Amino acid sequence: MTFGYILLIFLTIGRGCSGSPTGMDAVDTSSPHLAVVELQGVISNDDVANAYDVNEALRDAFANSNSKAVALDINSPGGSPVQSDEIWQTMMDLRKEYPDKKLYAVIGDIGASGAYYIASAADEIYVNPSSLVGSIGVIMPS
């Protein structure tokens, strides 16, 4: 699949979401669909992209029997390593719990640092050729 194909899926069947930072409110989930969870902005306990909200949205998306797959829509420069790791671990746990439900990471403008780490927990990662991807930094004690 190409990035354009995944984007087309978002636009046609996956993006009935509005208003929620995680993209999980006001959605009709009574028929087969691609569940889309948004990870937007700096990953931090105090920001919209925090582990509690993203993990709750991921769990809801996987638990819905009508969701045929889950896509994590990422546009983030990264942020807290702890928050990023909590999301990563939840994604790994959900993939084990729901082995027949694919998890895709789709990176828009940026998926750097902790956001790229989170994306690595998906079954597949899709990016635009112009997306900024990578740049996982490490701080080591001296």
Protein backbone atom coordinates (compact mmCIF):
# COMPACT_ATOMS: atom_id res chain seq x y z
CA MET A 1 0.00 0.00 0.00
CA THR A 2 1.13 3.53 -0.62
CA PHE A 3 0.79 6.57 1.56
CA GLY A 4 -1.85 7.91 -0.80
CA TYR A 5 -3.90 4.74 -0.47
CA ILE A 6 -3.82 4.92 3.33
CA LEU A 7 -4.74 8.60 3.15
CA LEU A 8 -7.66 7.71 0.91
CA ILE A 9 -8.83 5.16 3.47
CA PHE A 10 -8.70 7.86 6.16
CA LEU A 11 -10.70 10.28 4.09
CA THR A 12 -13.37 7.84 2.96
CA ILE A 13 -14.06 5.50 5.86
CA GLY A 14 -11.89 6.36 8.80
CA ARG A 15 -12.27 10.03 9.56
CA GLY A 16 -15.70 10.51 11.02
CA CYS A 17 -13.99 11.95 14.06
CA SER A 18 -14.31 15.49 15.26
CA GLY A 19 -13.42 17.57 18.26
CA SER A 20 -11.37 15.06 20.23
CA PRO A 21 -7.58 15.26 20.35
CA THR A 22 -7.46 11.48 20.11
CA GLY A 23 -10.11 11.40 17.40
CA MET A 24 -12.48 9.08 19.21
CA ASP A 25 -15.69 11.05 19.77
CA ALA A 26 -18.82 11.47 17.62
CA VAL A 27 -18.08 8.40 15.53
CA ASP A 28 -20.56 5.84 14.24
CA THR A 29 -18.90 2.53 15.08
CA SER A 30 -21.89 0.30 14.38
CA SER A 31 -20.62 -0.81 10.97
CA PRO A 32 -17.22 -2.07 9.76
CA HIS A 33 -14.64 0.70 9.84
CA LEU A 34 -11.01 1.67 10.18
CA ALA A 35 -10.57 3.10 13.67
CA VAL A 36 -8.36 6.19 13.68
CA VAL A 37 -6.63 7.43 16.83
CA GLU A 38 -4.82 10.75 16.65
CA LEU A 39 -1.47 11.51 18.26
CA GLN A 40 -0.99 15.23 17.67
CA GLY A 41 1.50 17.62 19.23
CA VAL A 42 4.09 17.28 21.96
CA ILE A 43 3.86 14.04 23.93
CA SER A 44 3.58 15.06 27.57
CA ASN A 45 1.56 14.26 30.66
CA ASP A 46 0.27 17.85 30.59
CA ASP A 47 -0.57 18.03 26.87
CA VAL A 48 -3.22 16.63 24.57
CA ALA A 49 -0.92 13.82 23.44
CA ASN A 50 -0.61 12.06 26.79
CA ALA A 51 -0.39 8.34 27.46
CA TYR A 52 -3.64 8.11 29.40
CA ASP A 53 -5.84 9.61 26.66
CA VAL A 54 -4.07 7.96 23.72
CA ASN A 55 -4.04 4.55 25.42
CA GLU A 56 -7.73 4.83 26.29
CA ALA A 57 -8.54 5.65 22.66
CA LEU A 58 -6.38 2.75 21.44
CA ARG A 59 -8.09 0.31 23.82
CA ASP A 60 -11.53 1.52 22.70
CA ALA A 61 -10.56 1.20 19.04
CA PHE A 62 -9.26 -2.35 19.44
CA ALA A 63 -12.16 -3.47 21.64
CA ASN A 64 -14.78 -2.40 19.10
CA SER A 65 -15.72 -5.55 17.20
CA ASN A 66 -16.60 -3.50 14.10
CA SER A 67 -13.15 -1.94 13.74
CA LYS A 68 -11.30 -4.02 11.17
CA ALA A 69 -7.97 -2.30 11.80
CA VAL A 70 -6.59 0.59 13.84
CA ALA A 71 -4.56 3.50 12.45
CA LEU A 72 -2.55 5.80 14.69
CA ASP A 73 -2.43 9.18 12.92
CA ILE A 74 0.85 10.75 14.09
CA ASN A 75 1.94 14.36 13.79
CA SER A 76 4.32 14.91 16.69
CA PRO A 77 7.88 16.07 17.33
CA GLY A 78 8.04 13.63 20.26
CA GLY A 79 8.30 14.53 23.90
CA SER A 80 8.31 12.64 27.18
CA PRO A 81 10.15 9.31 27.02
CA VAL A 82 7.96 7.94 29.82
CA GLN A 83 4.69 8.89 28.10
CA SER A 84 6.02 7.58 24.78
CA ASP A 85 7.02 4.27 26.32
CA GLU A 86 3.64 3.84 28.00
CA ILE A 87 1.91 4.28 24.63
CA TRP A 88 4.42 1.93 22.95
CA GLN A 89 3.81 -0.75 25.59
CA THR A 90 0.02 -0.46 25.27
CA MET A 91 0.31 -0.86 21.51
CA MET A 92 2.44 -3.99 21.93
CA ASP A 93 -0.03 -5.42 24.47
CA LEU A 94 -3.02 -4.71 22.22
CA ARG A 95 -1.33 -6.35 19.23
CA LYS A 96 -0.88 -9.50 21.34
CA GLU A 97 -4.44 -9.37 22.67
CA TYR A 98 -5.96 -8.79 19.20
CA PRO A 99 -3.63 -10.66 16.81
CA ASP A 100 -6.08 -10.51 13.89
CA LYS A 101 -6.49 -6.72 14.02
CA LYS A 102 -3.73 -4.77 12.25
CA LEU A 103 -2.26 -1.61 13.75
CA TYR A 104 -0.92 0.99 11.32
CA ALA A 105 1.08 4.12 12.10
CA VAL A 106 0.62 6.94 9.60
CA ILE A 107 3.04 9.83 9.99
CA GLY A 108 1.99 13.20 8.58
CA ASP A 109 4.31 16.20 8.81
CA ILE A 110 6.53 14.88 11.59
CA GLY A 111 7.10 11.71 13.57
CA ALA A 112 10.29 12.31 15.50
CA SER A 113 11.84 11.18 18.75
CA GLY A 114 9.19 9.59 21.00
CA ALA A 115 6.60 9.70 18.21
CA TYR A 116 8.86 7.59 15.99
CA TYR A 117 9.44 5.21 18.89
CA ILE A 118 5.66 4.87 19.27
CA ALA A 119 5.27 4.24 15.53
CA SER A 120 7.76 1.38 15.78
CA ALA A 121 5.16 -0.61 17.76
CA ALA A 122 2.79 -0.71 14.77
CA ASP A 123 2.52 -3.58 12.31
CA GLU A 124 3.32 -1.17 9.48
CA ILE A 125 4.41 2.48 9.25
CA TYR A 126 3.32 4.74 6.39
CA VAL A 127 4.88 8.12 5.69
CA ASN A 128 4.78 10.79 3.04
CA PRO A 129 8.12 11.18 1.22
CA SER A 130 8.32 14.71 2.68
CA SER A 131 7.56 13.70 6.28
CA LEU A 132 10.25 14.33 8.89
CA VAL A 133 10.80 10.92 10.48
CA GLY A 134 13.34 9.63 12.99
CA SER A 135 15.69 11.51 15.27
CA ILE A 136 15.47 9.46 18.46
CA GLY A 137 17.72 11.23 20.96
CA VAL A 138 19.43 9.67 23.94
CA ILE A 139 20.60 11.42 27.08
CA MET A 140 23.43 9.63 28.86
CA PRO A 141 24.77 10.53 32.29
CA SER A 142 28.33 11.83 32.22
